[in-house]
Amino acid sequence: MRPIVCMITTAVRGEPDEGPLLDRIEAAARAGVHLIQIRQPMEAGALVRVVRGALEVTRGTGARIVVNDRVDVALAAGAHGVHLKETSIDAARVRSVAPRGFLIGRSVHARPDGTSTGADEALDYLLFGTVFESASKPGVEAAGLERLAAVCRSTAVPVLGVGGMTAARLGGAAEAGAAGFAAIGLFADAPIGELPTVVNDAIAAFDRR
């Protein structure tokens, strides 16, 4: 099973230099990343500009750009979709105003019994985590592979594991039933020229489940 690979951009508040961000987005797209979630907590106008820049530099690749929780920005910029927080707007409401083919994902977490929350038929995918301890979520208890597996069993919607994803852990996520994975550090920490190797190694690790 070839995994869905999602890069989540490092969240930097304000209006950071867009050049390095767009360079990394372009490199990831050309390396074979399928989804790129833009997570910058910026003012709407600046975020629209970044999203449009991302769409431009990824043109001709298979990557699809989704915006973290900002439905207004995603629609205004012409993004491929939006990634909703667990407690955000209902996906059906987004679907009612979005163009055909618009992607809608949602972050979910496990209840104590392992079932998921927030899944509905209007969603295209779910992001479940934090599966392993992650530097991007300090102090958040890892849910673990058993809960990831429970969420995967509870829905027909493709589930991507997120949180502490490394090549050494991806086989476990695949065994748990994940359709793919999402990561920040895996893509942000590598030199930009090494992203093709990072992506290929990650896909191979997932496929070796």
C-alpha atoms as a PDB file:
ATOM      1  CA  MET A   1       0.000   0.000   0.000  1.00  0.00           C
ATOM      2  CA  ARG A   2       1.505   3.296  -1.059  1.00  0.00           C
ATOM      3  CA  PRO A   3       0.915   5.778   1.767  1.00  0.00           C
ATOM      4  CA  ILE A   4      -0.575   9.243   1.560  1.00  0.00           C
ATOM      5  CA  VAL A   5       2.287  11.545   2.569  1.00  0.00           C
ATOM      6  CA  CYS A   6       1.444  14.887   4.188  1.00  0.00           C
ATOM      7  CA  MET A   7       3.903  17.631   5.089  1.00  0.00           C
ATOM      8  CA  ILE A   8       2.729  20.109   7.721  1.00  0.00           C
ATOM      9  CA  THR A   9       4.621  23.376   7.594  1.00  0.00           C
ATOM     10  CA  THR A  10       6.314  24.727  10.707  1.00  0.00           C
ATOM     11  CA  ALA A  11       4.079  27.325  12.335  1.00  0.00           C
ATOM     12  CA  VAL A  12       5.806  30.692  12.594  1.00  0.00           C
ATOM     13  CA  ARG A  13       3.780  33.648  13.795  1.00  0.00           C
ATOM     14  CA  GLY A  14       3.852  36.992  12.057  1.00  0.00           C
ATOM     15  CA  GLU A  15       5.107  37.391   8.510  1.00  0.00           C
ATOM     16  CA  PRO A  16       8.346  35.410   8.157  1.00  0.00           C
ATOM     17  CA  ASP A  17      10.434  35.398   5.002  1.00  0.00           C
ATOM     18  CA  GLU A  18       8.293  33.522   2.493  1.00  0.00           C
ATOM     19  CA  GLY A  19      11.211  32.501   0.272  1.00  0.00           C
ATOM     20  CA  PRO A  20      12.598  29.630   2.402  1.00  0.00           C
ATOM     21  CA  LEU A  21       9.081  28.387   3.172  1.00  0.00           C
ATOM     22  CA  LEU A  22       8.087  28.278  -0.496  1.00  0.00           C
ATOM     23  CA  ASP A  23      11.412  26.702  -1.441  1.00  0.00           C
ATOM     24  CA  ARG A  24      10.789  23.869   1.024  1.00  0.00           C
ATOM     25  CA  ILE A  25       7.194  23.463  -0.128  1.00  0.00           C
ATOM     26  CA  GLU A  26       8.328  23.224  -3.737  1.00  0.00           C
ATOM     27  CA  ALA A  27      11.083  20.725  -2.895  1.00  0.00           C
ATOM     28  CA  ALA A  28       8.667  18.551  -0.914  1.00  0.00           C
ATOM     29  CA  ALA A  29       6.124  18.568  -3.729  1.00  0.00           C
ATOM     30  CA  ARG A  30       8.728  17.594  -6.306  1.00  0.00           C
ATOM     31  CA  ALA A  31       9.990  14.878  -3.961  1.00  0.00           C
ATOM     32  CA  GLY A  32       6.568  13.217  -4.017  1.00  0.00           C
ATOM     33  CA  VAL A  33       4.636  14.617  -1.037  1.00  0.00           C
ATOM     34  CA  HIS A  34       0.894  14.376  -1.721  1.00  0.00           C
ATOM     35  CA  LEU A  35      -0.562  16.890   0.746  1.00  0.00           C
ATOM     36  CA  ILE A  36       1.001  20.085   2.081  1.00  0.00           C
ATOM     37  CA  GLN A  37      -0.826  21.621   5.021  1.00  0.00           C
ATOM     38  CA  ILE A  38       0.007  25.299   5.439  1.00  0.00           C
ATOM     39  CA  ARG A  39      -0.142  26.015   9.154  1.00  0.00           C
ATOM     40  CA  GLN A  40       1.197  29.573   9.407  1.00  0.00           C
ATOM     41  CA  PRO A  41      -0.823  31.644  11.953  1.00  0.00           C
ATOM     42  CA  MET A  42      -0.750  34.821   9.872  1.00  0.00           C
ATOM     43  CA  GLU A  43      -3.098  37.660   9.060  1.00  0.00           C
ATOM     44  CA  ALA A  44      -5.542  36.648   6.335  1.00  0.00           C
ATOM     45  CA  GLY A  45      -4.102  38.758   3.532  1.00  0.00           C
ATOM     46  CA  ALA A  46      -0.550  37.581   4.134  1.00  0.00           C
ATOM     47  CA  LEU A  47      -1.700  33.974   4.407  1.00  0.00           C
ATOM     48  CA  VAL A  48      -3.573  34.206   1.103  1.00  0.00           C
ATOM     49  CA  ARG A  49      -0.342  35.426  -0.493  1.00  0.00           C
ATOM     50  CA  VAL A  50       1.625  32.487   0.943  1.00  0.00           C
ATOM     51  CA  VAL A  51      -0.984  29.966  -0.189  1.00  0.00           C
ATOM     52  CA  ARG A  52      -1.045  31.411  -3.697  1.00  0.00           C
ATOM     53  CA  GLY A  53       2.742  31.253  -3.742  1.00  0.00           C
ATOM     54  CA  ALA A  54       2.605  27.606  -2.686  1.00  0.00           C
ATOM     55  CA  LEU A  55       0.127  26.833  -5.450  1.00  0.00           C
ATOM     56  CA  GLU A  56       2.407  28.478  -7.979  1.00  0.00           C
ATOM     57  CA  VAL A  57       5.615  26.686  -6.972  1.00  0.00           C
ATOM     58  CA  THR A  58       3.882  23.288  -6.849  1.00  0.00           C
ATOM     59  CA  ARG A  59       2.175  23.656 -10.213  1.00  0.00           C
ATOM     60  CA  GLY A  60       2.746  20.572 -12.341  1.00  0.00           C
ATOM     61  CA  THR A  61       3.349  18.276  -9.359  1.00  0.00           C
ATOM     62  CA  GLY A  62       0.893  15.907  -7.722  1.00  0.00           C
ATOM     63  CA  ALA A  63       0.889  17.845  -4.456  1.00  0.00           C
ATOM     64  CA  ARG A  64      -2.297  19.433  -3.155  1.00  0.00           C
ATOM     65  CA  ILE A  65      -2.247  22.475  -0.888  1.00  0.00           C
ATOM     66  CA  VAL A  66      -4.582  22.611   2.116  1.00  0.00           C
ATOM     67  CA  VAL A  67      -4.890  25.441   4.615  1.00  0.00           C
ATOM     68  CA  ASN A  68      -5.066  24.850   8.341  1.00  0.00           C
ATOM     69  CA  ASP A  69      -8.610  25.676   9.577  1.00  0.00           C
ATOM     70  CA  ARG A  70      -8.999  28.918   7.580  1.00  0.00           C
ATOM     71  CA  VAL A  71     -11.832  28.078   5.201  1.00  0.00           C
ATOM     72  CA  ASP A  72     -12.035  31.719   4.106  1.00  0.00           C
ATOM     73  CA  VAL A  73      -8.352  31.820   3.180  1.00  0.00           C
ATOM     74  CA  ALA A  74      -8.469  28.460   1.435  1.00  0.00           C
ATOM     75  CA  LEU A  75     -11.379  29.557  -0.744  1.00  0.00           C
ATOM     76  CA  ALA A  76     -10.001  33.039  -1.418  1.00  0.00           C
ATOM     77  CA  ALA A  77      -6.578  31.728  -2.405  1.00  0.00           C
ATOM     78  CA  GLY A  78      -7.903  28.883  -4.537  1.00  0.00           C
ATOM     79  CA  ALA A  79      -6.313  26.176  -2.382  1.00  0.00           C
ATOM     80  CA  HIS A  80      -7.099  22.529  -2.988  1.00  0.00           C
ATOM     81  CA  GLY A  81      -8.691  22.188   0.434  1.00  0.00           C
ATOM     82  CA  VAL A  82      -8.811  22.927   4.136  1.00  0.00           C
ATOM     83  CA  HIS A  83      -7.725  21.016   7.227  1.00  0.00           C
ATOM     84  CA  LEU A  84     -10.139  21.527  10.120  1.00  0.00           C
ATOM     85  CA  LYS A  85      -9.446  21.373  13.826  1.00  0.00           C
ATOM     86  CA  GLU A  86     -11.384  18.777  15.814  1.00  0.00           C
ATOM     87  CA  THR A  87     -13.745  21.411  17.236  1.00  0.00           C
ATOM     88  CA  SER A  88     -14.007  23.510  14.091  1.00  0.00           C
ATOM     89  CA  ILE A  89     -16.938  23.993  11.697  1.00  0.00           C
ATOM     90  CA  ASP A  90     -18.865  20.969  10.431  1.00  0.00           C
ATOM     91  CA  ALA A  91     -17.378  19.528   7.265  1.00  0.00           C
ATOM     92  CA  ALA A  92     -20.827  19.436   5.656  1.00  0.00           C
ATOM     93  CA  ARG A  93     -21.098  23.220   5.971  1.00  0.00           C
ATOM     94  CA  VAL A  94     -17.747  23.634   4.270  1.00  0.00           C
ATOM     95  CA  ARG A  95     -18.766  21.184   1.551  1.00  0.00           C
ATOM     96  CA  SER A  96     -21.904  23.221   0.856  1.00  0.00           C
ATOM     97  CA  VAL A  97     -19.886  26.314  -0.140  1.00  0.00           C
ATOM     98  CA  ALA A  98     -16.729  24.718  -1.537  1.00  0.00           C
ATOM     99  CA  PRO A  99     -16.048  23.974  -5.207  1.00  0.00           C
ATOM    100  CA  ARG A 100     -16.180  20.463  -6.565  1.00  0.00           C
ATOM    101  CA  GLY A 101     -13.116  18.399  -5.648  1.00  0.00           C
ATOM    102  CA  PHE A 102     -12.277  20.558  -2.612  1.00  0.00           C
ATOM    103  CA  LEU A 103     -10.470  18.469   0.011  1.00  0.00           C
ATOM    104  CA  ILE A 104     -11.669  18.539   3.615  1.00  0.00           C
ATOM    105  CA  GLY A 105      -9.665  16.916   6.392  1.00  0.00           C
ATOM    106  CA  ARG A 106      -9.984  17.037  10.155  1.00  0.00           C
ATOM    107  CA  SER A 107      -7.740  16.411  13.148  1.00  0.00           C
ATOM    108  CA  VAL A 108      -9.174  13.889  15.606  1.00  0.00           C
ATOM    109  CA  HIS A 109      -8.123  12.442  18.936  1.00  0.00           C
ATOM    110  CA  ALA A 110      -9.119   9.204  20.627  1.00  0.00           C
ATOM    111  CA  ARG A 111     -11.629   8.910  23.421  1.00  0.00           C
ATOM    112  CA  PRO A 112     -10.601   6.693  26.337  1.00  0.00           C
ATOM    113  CA  ASP A 113     -12.353   3.744  24.639  1.00  0.00           C
ATOM    114  CA  GLY A 114     -10.250   4.298  21.527  1.00  0.00           C
ATOM    115  CA  THR A 115     -13.012   5.477  19.210  1.00  0.00           C
ATOM    116  CA  SER A 116     -12.593   8.580  17.119  1.00  0.00           C
ATOM    117  CA  THR A 117     -14.479  11.842  17.194  1.00  0.00           C
ATOM    118  CA  GLY A 118     -15.484  14.200  14.433  1.00  0.00           C
ATOM    119  CA  ALA A 119     -15.613  11.756  11.511  1.00  0.00           C
ATOM    120  CA  ASP A 120     -18.421  12.256   8.996  1.00  0.00           C
ATOM    121  CA  GLU A 121     -19.119  11.425   5.375  1.00  0.00           C
ATOM    122  CA  ALA A 122     -18.260  14.952   4.186  1.00  0.00           C
ATOM    123  CA  LEU A 123     -14.600  14.423   5.125  1.00  0.00           C
ATOM    124  CA  ASP A 124     -11.918  13.181   2.740  1.00  0.00           C
ATOM    125  CA  TYR A 125      -9.401  12.187   5.417  1.00  0.00           C
ATOM    126  CA  LEU A 126      -8.666  12.291   9.142  1.00  0.00           C
ATOM    127  CA  LEU A 127      -5.432  13.170  10.907  1.00  0.00           C
ATOM    128  CA  PHE A 128      -5.048  11.228  14.162  1.00  0.00           C
ATOM    129  CA  GLY A 129      -2.479  11.994  16.827  1.00  0.00           C
ATOM    130  CA  THR A 130      -0.405  12.507  18.660  1.00  0.00           C
ATOM    131  CA  VAL A 131       0.627   8.892  17.964  1.00  0.00           C
ATOM    132  CA  PHE A 132       4.155   9.184  19.399  1.00  0.00           C
ATOM    133  CA  GLU A 133       5.716  11.885  21.570  1.00  0.00           C
ATOM    134  CA  SER A 134       6.475  14.884  19.406  1.00  0.00           C
ATOM    135  CA  ALA A 135       8.626  17.981  19.755  1.00  0.00           C
ATOM    136  CA  SER A 136       5.830  20.008  18.159  1.00  0.00           C
ATOM    137  CA  LYS A 137       3.426  18.974  20.959  1.00  0.00           C
ATOM    138  CA  PRO A 138       5.532  19.110  24.124  1.00  0.00           C
ATOM    139  CA  GLY A 139       3.820  17.667  27.174  1.00  0.00           C
ATOM    140  CA  VAL A 140       1.086  15.932  25.157  1.00  0.00           C
ATOM    141  CA  GLU A 141       0.748  12.254  26.046  1.00  0.00           C
ATOM    142  CA  ALA A 142       1.279   9.955  23.092  1.00  0.00           C
ATOM    143  CA  ALA A 143      -1.846   8.039  22.063  1.00  0.00           C
ATOM    144  CA  GLY A 144       0.116   5.056  20.758  1.00  0.00           C
ATOM    145  CA  LEU A 145      -0.452   2.582  17.961  1.00  0.00           C
ATOM    146  CA  GLU A 146      -3.341   0.739  19.613  1.00  0.00           C
ATOM    147  CA  ARG A 147      -5.469   3.861  19.642  1.00  0.00           C
ATOM    148  CA  LEU A 148      -4.441   4.660  16.082  1.00  0.00           C
ATOM    149  CA  ALA A 149      -5.611   1.181  15.104  1.00  0.00           C
ATOM    150  CA  ALA A 150      -8.909   1.675  16.932  1.00  0.00           C
ATOM    151  CA  VAL A 151      -9.568   4.907  15.077  1.00  0.00           C
ATOM    152  CA  CYS A 152      -8.704   3.296  11.749  1.00  0.00           C
ATOM    153  CA  ARG A 153     -11.192   0.502  12.481  1.00  0.00           C
ATOM    154  CA  SER A 154     -13.914   2.950  13.493  1.00  0.00           C
ATOM    155  CA  THR A 155     -14.245   4.776  10.169  1.00  0.00           C
ATOM    156  CA  ALA A 156     -14.148   4.249   6.429  1.00  0.00           C
ATOM    157  CA  VAL A 157     -12.435   7.620   6.014  1.00  0.00           C
ATOM    158  CA  PRO A 158      -8.665   7.341   5.344  1.00  0.00           C
ATOM    159  CA  VAL A 159      -6.711   8.020   8.540  1.00  0.00           C
ATOM    160  CA  LEU A 160      -3.218   9.534   8.575  1.00  0.00           C
ATOM    161  CA  GLY A 161      -1.091   9.110  11.683  1.00  0.00           C
ATOM    162  CA  VAL A 162       0.670  12.207  12.982  1.00  0.00           C
ATOM    163  CA  GLY A 163       3.045  12.932  15.841  1.00  0.00           C
ATOM    164  CA  GLY A 164       6.636  11.777  16.180  1.00  0.00           C
ATOM    165  CA  MET A 165       6.645  10.133  12.775  1.00  0.00           C
ATOM    166  CA  THR A 166      10.079   8.822  11.817  1.00  0.00           C
ATOM    167  CA  ALA A 167      11.145   6.216   9.292  1.00  0.00           C
ATOM    168  CA  ALA A 168      11.642   3.725  12.124  1.00  0.00           C
ATOM    169  CA  ARG A 169       8.035   4.162  13.308  1.00  0.00           C
ATOM    170  CA  LEU A 170       6.168   4.249  10.009  1.00  0.00           C
ATOM    171  CA  GLY A 171       5.900   0.500   9.672  1.00  0.00           C
ATOM    172  CA  GLY A 172       3.960   0.416  12.935  1.00  0.00           C
ATOM    173  CA  ALA A 173       1.558   3.075  11.673  1.00  0.00           C
ATOM    174  CA  ALA A 174       0.972   1.015   8.536  1.00  0.00           C
ATOM    175  CA  GLU A 175       0.341  -2.118  10.599  1.00  0.00           C
ATOM    176  CA  ALA A 176      -2.220  -0.163  12.629  1.00  0.00           C
ATOM    177  CA  GLY A 177      -4.198   0.463   9.454  1.00  0.00           C
ATOM    178  CA  ALA A 178      -3.212   4.044   8.672  1.00  0.00           C
ATOM    179  CA  ALA A 179      -3.591   5.132   5.056  1.00  0.00           C
ATOM    180  CA  GLY A 180      -0.542   7.325   5.404  1.00  0.00           C
ATOM    181  CA  PHE A 181       1.186   9.780   7.680  1.00  0.00           C
ATOM    182  CA  ALA A 182       1.718  13.464   8.322  1.00  0.00           C
ATOM    183  CA  ALA A 183       4.769  15.113   9.837  1.00  0.00           C
ATOM    184  CA  ILE A 184       6.413  18.424  10.617  1.00  0.00           C
ATOM    185  CA  GLY A 185       9.932  17.610  11.814  1.00  0.00           C
ATOM    186  CA  LEU A 186      10.535  14.810   9.320  1.00  0.00           C
ATOM    187  CA  PHE A 187      10.394  17.392   6.531  1.00  0.00           C
ATOM    188  CA  ALA A 188      11.461  20.549   8.379  1.00  0.00           C
ATOM    189  CA  ASP A 189      14.664  19.204   9.937  1.00  0.00           C
ATOM    190  CA  ALA A 190      16.252  17.784   6.792  1.00  0.00           C
ATOM    191  CA  PRO A 191      18.392  19.901   4.451  1.00  0.00           C
ATOM    192  CA  ILE A 192      16.188  20.893   1.546  1.00  0.00           C
ATOM    193  CA  GLY A 193      18.335  19.000  -0.945  1.00  0.00           C
ATOM    194  CA  GLU A 194      17.772  15.765   0.978  1.00  0.00           C
ATOM    195  CA  LEU A 195      13.973  15.861   0.851  1.00  0.00           C
ATOM    196  CA  PRO A 196      13.729  13.388  -2.077  1.00  0.00           C
ATOM    197  CA  THR A 197      15.691  10.849  -0.027  1.00  0.00           C
ATOM    198  CA  VAL A 198      13.620  11.577   3.091  1.00  0.00           C
ATOM    199  CA  VAL A 199      10.357  11.052   1.214  1.00  0.00           C
ATOM    200  CA  ASN A 200      11.529   7.916  -0.579  1.00  0.00           C
ATOM    201  CA  ASP A 201      12.887   6.389   2.642  1.00  0.00           C
ATOM    202  CA  ALA A 202       9.652   7.182   4.492  1.00  0.00           C
ATOM    203  CA  ILE A 203       7.493   5.601   1.791  1.00  0.00           C
ATOM    204  CA  ALA A 204       9.722   2.534   1.727  1.00  0.00           C
ATOM    205  CA  ALA A 205       9.525   2.219   5.511  1.00  0.00           C
ATOM    206  CA  PHE A 206       5.713   2.427   5.430  1.00  0.00           C
ATOM    207  CA  ASP A 207       5.537  -0.124   2.600  1.00  0.00           C
ATOM    208  CA  ARG A 208       7.708  -2.590   4.526  1.00  0.00           C
ATOM    209  CA  ARG A 209       5.044  -3.077   7.203  1.00  0.00           C
END
